[in-house]
Amino acid sequence: MTNLPPDNPQRDVTTIQPDDPDLPHISIVGDTYTILLSGEDTAGKMCLIDMYVPPGGGPGPHRQDFEETFVITKGEIDLTVRGEPIRAEAGETIHIPANAPHMFTNTTDRSARMLCICEPAGQEEFFLSAGVPVEGRTSTAELDEEAIEEQLNRIEALAPEYNTELLGTPE
């Protein structure tokens, strides 16, 4: 006998194609994040984001109050977690515990791609609020200096609402 609740047939099985133009493709300061699964799709348990990170891309130091897992599917990403450097290549998985300071950067001359799992969901809402919609998974927004500054200010203003702390620039 199990204590599991019965299946909920009201919840649909979801099948996603990452290049689907109907998916939200969001440019965040040069990277493009495609929301594959939202909290709405998973009853708030998690979200899944396909991250396209061009050369030089990636966020500055930050931390959040949720678990975050990165699966590198293409290229290489340099992460810094709790001040320690990690080089992750295609096929590797990196799990960031809640509240751990971290950042990642694509230091190569080729684009990288990774899947980001956030548990529980909510980070996708932050990206939707702070970013700029773009056409596809590998599209980027052409932002001038003023638009970049506006987006950075929006990210800074929204971060506390989404339980994210920006930690300044890397040293």
N, C-alpha and C. Protein backbone atom coordinates (compact mmCIF):
# COMPACT_ATOMS: atom_id res chain seq x y z
N MET A 1 0.86 -1.19 0.00
CA MET A 1 0.00 0.00 0.00
C MET A 1 0.90 1.24 0.00
N THR A 2 0.54 2.22 -0.78
CA THR A 2 1.32 3.45 -0.88
C THR A 2 0.50 4.64 -0.39
N ASN A 3 1.19 5.65 0.03
CA ASN A 3 0.53 6.89 0.46
C ASN A 3 0.47 7.93 -0.65
N LEU A 4 0.81 7.52 -1.86
CA LEU A 4 0.78 8.46 -2.98
C LEU A 4 -0.66 8.84 -3.31
N PRO A 5 -0.89 10.11 -3.64
CA PRO A 5 -2.24 10.47 -4.09
C PRO A 5 -2.52 9.85 -5.45
N PRO A 6 -3.78 9.77 -5.82
CA PRO A 6 -4.09 9.23 -7.14
C PRO A 6 -3.59 10.17 -8.25
N ASP A 7 -3.47 9.61 -9.43
CA ASP A 7 -3.11 10.41 -10.60
C ASP A 7 -4.15 11.51 -10.80
N ASN A 8 -3.69 12.67 -11.24
CA ASN A 8 -4.60 13.76 -11.52
C ASN A 8 -4.73 13.90 -13.04
N PRO A 9 -5.76 13.32 -13.63
CA PRO A 9 -5.91 13.39 -15.09
C PRO A 9 -6.20 14.79 -15.61
N GLN A 10 -6.44 15.75 -14.71
CA GLN A 10 -6.63 17.14 -15.12
C GLN A 10 -5.32 17.76 -15.60
N ARG A 11 -4.19 17.18 -15.16
CA ARG A 11 -2.88 17.68 -15.59
C ARG A 11 -2.45 16.94 -16.84
N ASP A 12 -2.12 17.70 -17.88
CA ASP A 12 -1.74 17.12 -19.16
C ASP A 12 -0.25 16.77 -19.20
N VAL A 13 0.07 15.77 -19.99
CA VAL A 13 1.46 15.49 -20.35
C VAL A 13 1.87 16.57 -21.34
N THR A 14 3.08 17.09 -21.21
CA THR A 14 3.54 18.17 -22.08
C THR A 14 4.69 17.69 -22.95
N THR A 15 4.61 17.97 -24.23
CA THR A 15 5.69 17.68 -25.18
C THR A 15 6.13 19.01 -25.77
N ILE A 16 7.44 19.26 -25.75
CA ILE A 16 7.96 20.56 -26.18
C ILE A 16 9.04 20.39 -27.23
N GLN A 17 9.01 21.24 -28.24
CA GLN A 17 10.09 21.36 -29.22
C GLN A 17 10.77 22.70 -28.93
N PRO A 18 12.07 22.73 -28.61
CA PRO A 18 12.71 23.97 -28.18
C PRO A 18 12.71 25.09 -29.22
N ASP A 19 12.55 24.75 -30.49
CA ASP A 19 12.53 25.79 -31.52
C ASP A 19 11.12 26.25 -31.86
N ASP A 20 10.14 25.83 -31.09
CA ASP A 20 8.75 26.23 -31.30
C ASP A 20 8.65 27.75 -31.19
N PRO A 21 8.23 28.44 -32.25
CA PRO A 21 8.16 29.91 -32.21
C PRO A 21 7.10 30.42 -31.23
N ASP A 22 6.18 29.55 -30.80
CA ASP A 22 5.15 29.97 -29.84
C ASP A 22 5.64 29.96 -28.40
N LEU A 23 6.80 29.35 -28.15
CA LEU A 23 7.36 29.38 -26.80
C LEU A 23 7.87 30.78 -26.50
N PRO A 24 7.88 31.16 -25.22
CA PRO A 24 8.48 32.45 -24.88
C PRO A 24 10.01 32.37 -25.00
N HIS A 25 10.57 33.17 -25.91
CA HIS A 25 12.02 33.31 -26.08
C HIS A 25 12.35 34.70 -25.55
N ILE A 26 13.15 34.76 -24.50
CA ILE A 26 13.38 36.01 -23.78
C ILE A 26 14.87 36.36 -23.79
N SER A 27 15.19 37.56 -24.26
CA SER A 27 16.57 38.03 -24.22
C SER A 27 16.82 38.74 -22.89
N ILE A 28 17.85 38.27 -22.20
CA ILE A 28 18.27 38.87 -20.93
C ILE A 28 19.72 39.29 -21.10
N VAL A 29 19.95 40.57 -21.29
CA VAL A 29 21.28 41.17 -21.44
C VAL A 29 22.21 40.30 -22.30
N GLY A 30 21.72 39.94 -23.49
CA GLY A 30 22.57 39.24 -24.45
C GLY A 30 22.34 37.75 -24.56
N ASP A 31 21.88 37.10 -23.51
CA ASP A 31 21.56 35.67 -23.57
C ASP A 31 20.11 35.54 -24.02
N THR A 32 19.72 34.35 -24.48
CA THR A 32 18.32 34.09 -24.82
C THR A 32 17.86 32.87 -24.05
N TYR A 33 16.79 33.04 -23.29
CA TYR A 33 16.23 31.99 -22.45
C TYR A 33 14.86 31.62 -22.99
N THR A 34 14.70 30.35 -23.34
CA THR A 34 13.43 29.84 -23.85
C THR A 34 12.77 29.04 -22.73
N ILE A 35 11.57 29.42 -22.38
CA ILE A 35 10.86 28.75 -21.29
C ILE A 35 10.16 27.52 -21.86
N LEU A 36 10.71 26.35 -21.53
CA LEU A 36 10.16 25.09 -22.02
C LEU A 36 9.00 24.62 -21.14
N LEU A 37 9.19 24.70 -19.83
CA LEU A 37 8.14 24.34 -18.87
C LEU A 37 8.05 25.45 -17.83
N SER A 38 6.85 25.90 -17.58
CA SER A 38 6.65 26.95 -16.57
C SER A 38 6.03 26.32 -15.32
N GLY A 39 5.92 27.11 -14.28
CA GLY A 39 5.24 26.66 -13.07
C GLY A 39 3.81 26.27 -13.35
N GLU A 40 3.20 26.94 -14.31
CA GLU A 40 1.82 26.60 -14.69
C GLU A 40 1.75 25.17 -15.25
N ASP A 41 2.80 24.75 -15.96
CA ASP A 41 2.84 23.40 -16.54
C ASP A 41 3.10 22.32 -15.50
N THR A 42 3.74 22.69 -14.38
CA THR A 42 4.22 21.70 -13.40
C THR A 42 3.59 21.85 -12.02
N ALA A 43 2.47 22.52 -11.94
CA ALA A 43 1.81 22.76 -10.65
C ALA A 43 2.76 23.46 -9.67
N GLY A 44 3.64 24.33 -10.22
CA GLY A 44 4.55 25.11 -9.40
C GLY A 44 5.77 24.38 -8.88
N LYS A 45 5.93 23.12 -9.24
CA LYS A 45 7.03 22.33 -8.69
C LYS A 45 8.39 22.71 -9.27
N MET A 46 8.43 23.07 -10.54
CA MET A 46 9.71 23.42 -11.18
C MET A 46 9.45 24.12 -12.50
N CYS A 47 10.52 24.72 -13.04
CA CYS A 47 10.47 25.24 -14.41
C CYS A 47 11.72 24.75 -15.13
N LEU A 48 11.64 24.71 -16.44
CA LEU A 48 12.75 24.25 -17.27
C LEU A 48 12.99 25.31 -18.34
N ILE A 49 14.23 25.80 -18.40
CA ILE A 49 14.58 26.89 -19.30
C ILE A 49 15.76 26.46 -20.16
N ASP A 50 15.62 26.62 -21.48
CA ASP A 50 16.69 26.36 -22.43
C ASP A 50 17.47 27.67 -22.54
N MET A 51 18.74 27.65 -22.16
CA MET A 51 19.55 28.86 -22.16
C MET A 51 20.56 28.83 -23.30
N TYR A 52 20.47 29.84 -24.16
CA TYR A 52 21.43 30.04 -25.25
C TYR A 52 22.36 31.15 -24.78
N VAL A 53 23.65 30.80 -24.65
CA VAL A 53 24.62 31.74 -24.09
C VAL A 53 25.72 31.99 -25.13
N PRO A 54 25.67 33.14 -25.81
CA PRO A 54 26.70 33.44 -26.81
C PRO A 54 28.04 33.74 -26.14
N PRO A 55 29.11 33.81 -26.93
CA PRO A 55 30.41 34.16 -26.34
C PRO A 55 30.31 35.44 -25.51
N GLY A 56 30.88 35.39 -24.31
CA GLY A 56 30.85 36.54 -23.41
C GLY A 56 29.58 36.64 -22.58
N GLY A 57 28.59 35.78 -22.86
CA GLY A 57 27.31 35.85 -22.16
C GLY A 57 27.34 35.24 -20.78
N GLY A 58 26.26 35.48 -20.05
CA GLY A 58 26.08 34.94 -18.71
C GLY A 58 25.85 36.06 -17.71
N PRO A 59 25.16 35.75 -16.61
CA PRO A 59 24.85 36.75 -15.59
C PRO A 59 26.01 36.98 -14.63
N GLY A 60 26.00 38.13 -14.00
CA GLY A 60 26.96 38.42 -12.95
C GLY A 60 26.63 37.64 -11.68
N PRO A 61 27.41 37.85 -10.63
CA PRO A 61 27.19 37.11 -9.39
C PRO A 61 25.82 37.41 -8.78
N HIS A 62 25.19 36.33 -8.33
CA HIS A 62 23.86 36.45 -7.73
C HIS A 62 23.59 35.19 -6.90
N ARG A 63 22.48 35.21 -6.19
CA ARG A 63 22.02 34.01 -5.50
C ARG A 63 20.51 34.08 -5.38
N GLN A 64 19.88 32.90 -5.25
CA GLN A 64 18.43 32.82 -5.15
C GLN A 64 18.07 31.82 -4.06
N ASP A 65 16.80 31.87 -3.64
CA ASP A 65 16.36 30.97 -2.57
C ASP A 65 15.76 29.68 -3.11
N PHE A 66 16.17 29.24 -4.30
CA PHE A 66 15.66 27.99 -4.86
C PHE A 66 16.81 27.18 -5.43
N GLU A 67 16.57 25.89 -5.62
CA GLU A 67 17.56 24.99 -6.20
C GLU A 67 17.65 25.26 -7.70
N GLU A 68 18.85 25.17 -8.24
CA GLU A 68 19.07 25.43 -9.66
C GLU A 68 20.05 24.40 -10.21
N THR A 69 19.66 23.73 -11.28
CA THR A 69 20.51 22.72 -11.90
C THR A 69 20.74 23.09 -13.36
N PHE A 70 21.99 23.03 -13.78
CA PHE A 70 22.36 23.31 -15.17
C PHE A 70 22.86 22.03 -15.83
N VAL A 71 22.31 21.71 -16.99
CA VAL A 71 22.79 20.58 -17.80
C VAL A 71 23.36 21.20 -19.07
N ILE A 72 24.66 21.10 -19.24
CA ILE A 72 25.32 21.69 -20.41
C ILE A 72 25.07 20.75 -21.60
N THR A 73 24.43 21.27 -22.64
CA THR A 73 24.11 20.43 -23.80
C THR A 73 24.98 20.75 -25.01
N LYS A 74 25.62 21.92 -25.01
CA LYS A 74 26.48 22.31 -26.13
C LYS A 74 27.51 23.31 -25.62
N GLY A 75 28.76 23.10 -25.99
CA GLY A 75 29.80 24.06 -25.65
C GLY A 75 30.32 23.91 -24.23
N GLU A 76 30.85 25.01 -23.71
CA GLU A 76 31.45 25.05 -22.38
C GLU A 76 30.99 26.29 -21.65
N ILE A 77 30.85 26.17 -20.35
CA ILE A 77 30.46 27.28 -19.49
C ILE A 77 31.40 27.30 -18.30
N ASP A 78 31.90 28.48 -17.96
CA ASP A 78 32.70 28.67 -16.75
C ASP A 78 31.77 29.19 -15.66
N LEU A 79 31.68 28.46 -14.56
CA LEU A 79 30.87 28.87 -13.43
C LEU A 79 31.79 29.22 -12.27
N THR A 80 31.30 30.09 -11.42
CA THR A 80 31.94 30.33 -10.13
C THR A 80 30.84 30.12 -9.11
N VAL A 81 31.07 29.17 -8.20
CA VAL A 81 30.09 28.85 -7.17
C VAL A 81 30.79 28.96 -5.81
N ARG A 82 30.26 29.84 -4.96
CA ARG A 82 30.87 30.09 -3.63
C ARG A 82 32.35 30.44 -3.77
N GLY A 83 32.66 31.17 -4.85
CA GLY A 83 34.03 31.64 -5.06
C GLY A 83 34.94 30.64 -5.74
N GLU A 84 34.47 29.42 -6.00
CA GLU A 84 35.29 28.38 -6.61
C GLU A 84 34.96 28.24 -8.10
N PRO A 85 36.00 28.25 -8.96
CA PRO A 85 35.74 28.11 -10.40
C PRO A 85 35.42 26.66 -10.79
N ILE A 86 34.50 26.51 -11.75
CA ILE A 86 34.14 25.20 -12.30
C ILE A 86 34.02 25.37 -13.81
N ARG A 87 34.68 24.52 -14.57
CA ARG A 87 34.52 24.48 -16.04
C ARG A 87 33.58 23.32 -16.33
N ALA A 88 32.46 23.60 -16.97
CA ALA A 88 31.48 22.57 -17.32
C ALA A 88 31.38 22.46 -18.83
N GLU A 89 31.46 21.24 -19.32
CA GLU A 89 31.40 20.98 -20.75
C GLU A 89 30.13 20.20 -21.09
N ALA A 90 29.81 20.15 -22.38
CA ALA A 90 28.62 19.43 -22.84
C ALA A 90 28.60 18.04 -22.22
N GLY A 91 27.44 17.68 -21.70
CA GLY A 91 27.25 16.39 -21.05
C GLY A 91 27.33 16.46 -19.54
N GLU A 92 27.84 17.56 -18.99
CA GLU A 92 27.97 17.67 -17.54
C GLU A 92 26.77 18.37 -16.93
N THR A 93 26.53 18.06 -15.67
CA THR A 93 25.45 18.65 -14.89
C THR A 93 26.03 19.29 -13.64
N ILE A 94 25.59 20.51 -13.36
CA ILE A 94 26.02 21.24 -12.17
C ILE A 94 24.77 21.61 -11.38
N HIS A 95 24.76 21.26 -10.10
CA HIS A 95 23.63 21.63 -9.24
C HIS A 95 24.08 22.72 -8.27
N ILE A 96 23.32 23.80 -8.21
CA ILE A 96 23.61 24.93 -7.32
C ILE A 96 22.58 24.90 -6.18
N PRO A 97 23.03 24.69 -4.95
CA PRO A 97 22.07 24.69 -3.83
C PRO A 97 21.45 26.08 -3.64
N ALA A 98 20.25 26.09 -3.10
CA ALA A 98 19.58 27.36 -2.79
C ALA A 98 20.50 28.24 -1.96
N ASN A 99 20.51 29.53 -2.26
CA ASN A 99 21.24 30.57 -1.54
C ASN A 99 22.75 30.60 -1.79
N ALA A 100 23.29 29.68 -2.60
CA ALA A 100 24.73 29.68 -2.88
C ALA A 100 25.06 30.76 -3.90
N PRO A 101 26.01 31.65 -3.59
CA PRO A 101 26.42 32.66 -4.57
C PRO A 101 27.04 31.99 -5.81
N HIS A 102 26.64 32.45 -6.99
CA HIS A 102 27.18 31.86 -8.21
C HIS A 102 27.02 32.81 -9.39
N MET A 103 27.69 32.46 -10.47
CA MET A 103 27.60 33.16 -11.75
C MET A 103 28.09 32.20 -12.82
N PHE A 104 27.79 32.49 -14.07
CA PHE A 104 28.36 31.70 -15.15
C PHE A 104 28.65 32.62 -16.33
N THR A 105 29.64 32.20 -17.13
CA THR A 105 30.08 32.97 -18.28
C THR A 105 30.51 32.01 -19.39
N ASN A 106 30.22 32.38 -20.61
CA ASN A 106 30.75 31.66 -21.75
C ASN A 106 32.02 32.39 -22.17
N THR A 107 33.17 31.82 -21.83
CA THR A 107 34.46 32.47 -22.13
C THR A 107 35.05 31.98 -23.46
N THR A 108 34.30 31.16 -24.19
CA THR A 108 34.81 30.64 -25.47
C THR A 108 34.36 31.55 -26.62
N ASP A 109 34.77 31.18 -27.83
CA ASP A 109 34.36 31.94 -29.01
C ASP A 109 33.20 31.27 -29.74
N ARG A 110 32.56 30.27 -29.09
CA ARG A 110 31.40 29.58 -29.66
C ARG A 110 30.23 29.65 -28.69
N SER A 111 29.04 29.68 -29.22
CA SER A 111 27.85 29.71 -28.37
C SER A 111 27.73 28.42 -27.56
N ALA A 112 27.13 28.55 -26.40
CA ALA A 112 26.87 27.40 -25.54
C ALA A 112 25.36 27.31 -25.32
N ARG A 113 24.94 26.14 -24.93
CA ARG A 113 23.52 25.93 -24.65
C ARG A 113 23.42 25.04 -23.43
N MET A 114 22.48 25.37 -22.56
CA MET A 114 22.27 24.53 -21.39
C MET A 114 20.82 24.57 -20.97
N LEU A 115 20.41 23.53 -20.28
CA LEU A 115 19.09 23.48 -19.69
C LEU A 115 19.22 23.88 -18.23
N CYS A 116 18.29 24.69 -17.77
CA CYS A 116 18.28 25.15 -16.39
C CYS A 116 16.97 24.68 -15.75
N ILE A 117 17.09 23.93 -14.67
CA ILE A 117 15.93 23.47 -13.91
C ILE A 117 15.92 24.24 -12.60
N CYS A 118 14.82 24.93 -12.32
CA CYS A 118 14.67 25.67 -11.06
C CYS A 118 13.54 25.02 -10.27
N GLU A 119 13.83 24.72 -9.00
CA GLU A 119 12.84 24.10 -8.11
C GLU A 119 12.74 24.87 -6.81
N PRO A 120 11.57 25.39 -6.48
CA PRO A 120 10.32 25.36 -7.24
C PRO A 120 10.36 26.37 -8.39
N ALA A 121 9.27 26.39 -9.14
CA ALA A 121 9.13 27.30 -10.27
C ALA A 121 9.08 28.75 -9.78
N GLY A 122 9.23 29.67 -10.70
CA GLY A 122 9.14 31.10 -10.41
C GLY A 122 10.17 31.91 -11.15
N GLN A 123 11.34 31.32 -11.41
CA GLN A 123 12.40 32.06 -12.09
C GLN A 123 11.97 32.45 -13.50
N GLU A 124 11.14 31.62 -14.13
CA GLU A 124 10.67 31.95 -15.47
C GLU A 124 9.86 33.23 -15.47
N GLU A 125 9.14 33.49 -14.38
CA GLU A 125 8.36 34.72 -14.26
C GLU A 125 9.28 35.94 -14.16
N PHE A 126 10.39 35.77 -13.47
CA PHE A 126 11.40 36.83 -13.37
C PHE A 126 11.93 37.17 -14.77
N PHE A 127 12.29 36.13 -15.54
CA PHE A 127 12.81 36.37 -16.88
C PHE A 127 11.77 37.04 -17.77
N LEU A 128 10.53 36.61 -17.68
CA LEU A 128 9.46 37.22 -18.47
C LEU A 128 9.27 38.69 -18.12
N SER A 129 9.41 39.03 -16.84
CA SER A 129 9.23 40.42 -16.39
C SER A 129 10.42 41.30 -16.73
N ALA A 130 11.62 40.73 -16.68
CA ALA A 130 12.83 41.54 -16.85
C ALA A 130 13.36 41.57 -18.27
N GLY A 131 13.04 40.56 -19.07
CA GLY A 131 13.64 40.43 -20.38
C GLY A 131 12.85 41.06 -21.51
N VAL A 132 13.36 40.85 -22.72
CA VAL A 132 12.77 41.36 -23.94
C VAL A 132 12.42 40.17 -24.83
N PRO A 133 11.16 40.03 -25.26
CA PRO A 133 10.82 38.92 -26.15
C PRO A 133 11.60 39.01 -27.46
N VAL A 134 12.06 37.85 -27.94
CA VAL A 134 12.74 37.76 -29.24
C VAL A 134 12.09 36.64 -30.05
N GLU A 135 12.44 36.57 -31.32
CA GLU A 135 11.77 35.67 -32.26
C GLU A 135 12.01 34.19 -31.99
N GLY A 136 13.25 33.81 -31.69
CA GLY A 136 13.56 32.38 -31.57
C GLY A 136 14.60 32.10 -30.52
N ARG A 137 14.89 30.81 -30.35
CA ARG A 137 15.79 30.34 -29.29
C ARG A 137 17.21 30.88 -29.42
N THR A 138 17.65 31.16 -30.62
CA THR A 138 19.01 31.69 -30.79
C THR A 138 19.02 33.14 -31.25
N SER A 139 17.85 33.78 -31.19
CA SER A 139 17.76 35.21 -31.52
C SER A 139 18.25 36.03 -30.32
N THR A 140 18.79 37.19 -30.61
CA THR A 140 19.16 38.09 -29.52
C THR A 140 18.55 39.46 -29.81
N ALA A 141 18.30 40.19 -28.76
CA ALA A 141 17.75 41.54 -28.91
C ALA A 141 18.89 42.49 -29.24
N GLU A 142 18.68 43.34 -30.20
CA GLU A 142 19.65 44.37 -30.53
C GLU A 142 19.35 45.59 -29.66
N LEU A 143 20.07 45.71 -28.57
CA LEU A 143 19.82 46.78 -27.61
C LEU A 143 20.96 47.79 -27.65
N ASP A 144 20.61 49.08 -27.67
CA ASP A 144 21.64 50.10 -27.56
C ASP A 144 22.00 50.26 -26.08
N GLU A 145 22.98 51.09 -25.80
CA GLU A 145 23.45 51.28 -24.42
C GLU A 145 22.32 51.69 -23.47
N GLU A 146 21.45 52.57 -23.93
CA GLU A 146 20.34 53.04 -23.10
C GLU A 146 19.37 51.89 -22.77
N ALA A 147 19.06 51.07 -23.77
CA ALA A 147 18.15 49.94 -23.56
C ALA A 147 18.77 48.89 -22.63
N ILE A 148 20.08 48.66 -22.77
CA ILE A 148 20.77 47.74 -21.86
C ILE A 148 20.71 48.26 -20.44
N GLU A 149 20.97 49.54 -20.26
CA GLU A 149 20.90 50.15 -18.93
C GLU A 149 19.50 50.03 -18.35
N GLU A 150 18.48 50.25 -19.17
CA GLU A 150 17.09 50.10 -18.72
C GLU A 150 16.81 48.67 -18.27
N GLN A 151 17.31 47.69 -19.06
CA GLN A 151 17.08 46.30 -18.69
C GLN A 151 17.80 45.95 -17.38
N LEU A 152 19.02 46.42 -17.24
CA LEU A 152 19.76 46.17 -15.99
C LEU A 152 19.04 46.80 -14.80
N ASN A 153 18.52 47.98 -14.97
CA ASN A 153 17.76 48.63 -13.88
C ASN A 153 16.49 47.84 -13.55
N ARG A 154 15.83 47.32 -14.58
CA ARG A 154 14.62 46.52 -14.37
C ARG A 154 14.97 45.23 -13.62
N ILE A 155 16.07 44.59 -14.00
CA ILE A 155 16.53 43.37 -13.32
C ILE A 155 16.80 43.67 -11.85
N GLU A 156 17.52 44.77 -11.59
CA GLU A 156 17.85 45.14 -10.22
C GLU A 156 16.59 45.43 -9.40
N ALA A 157 15.62 46.11 -10.00
CA ALA A 157 14.39 46.45 -9.29
C ALA A 157 13.53 45.21 -9.02
N LEU A 158 13.50 44.27 -9.96
CA LEU A 158 12.65 43.08 -9.83
C LEU A 158 13.27 41.97 -8.99
N ALA A 159 14.58 41.93 -8.89
CA ALA A 159 15.27 40.82 -8.22
C ALA A 159 14.70 40.50 -6.83
N PRO A 160 14.52 41.48 -5.94
CA PRO A 160 14.01 41.13 -4.61
C PRO A 160 12.61 40.49 -4.64
N GLU A 161 11.78 40.92 -5.57
CA GLU A 161 10.43 40.36 -5.69
C GLU A 161 10.48 38.87 -6.03
N TYR A 162 11.54 38.43 -6.70
CA TYR A 162 11.70 37.04 -7.11
C TYR A 162 12.77 36.33 -6.27
N ASN A 163 12.99 36.80 -5.07
CA ASN A 163 13.92 36.17 -4.11
C ASN A 163 15.31 35.94 -4.69
N THR A 164 15.78 36.95 -5.39
CA THR A 164 17.11 36.93 -5.99
C THR A 164 17.91 38.11 -5.45
N GLU A 165 19.15 37.86 -5.11
CA GLU A 165 20.03 38.93 -4.64
C GLU A 165 21.17 39.08 -5.65
N LEU A 166 21.31 40.27 -6.21
CA LEU A 166 22.42 40.57 -7.10
C LEU A 166 23.62 40.94 -6.24
N LEU A 167 24.77 40.38 -6.56
CA LEU A 167 25.94 40.52 -5.70
C LEU A 167 27.02 41.42 -6.28
N GLY A 168 26.69 42.25 -7.25
CA GLY A 168 27.67 43.18 -7.80
C GLY A 168 28.47 42.54 -8.93
N THR A 169 29.55 43.17 -9.30
CA THR A 169 30.36 42.69 -10.41
C THR A 169 31.46 41.77 -9.91
N PRO A 170 31.87 40.80 -10.73
CA PRO A 170 32.96 39.89 -10.31
C PRO A 170 34.26 40.65 -10.20
N GLU A 171 35.09 40.16 -9.30
CA GLU A 171 36.40 40.81 -9.11
C GLU A 171 37.48 40.12 -9.86
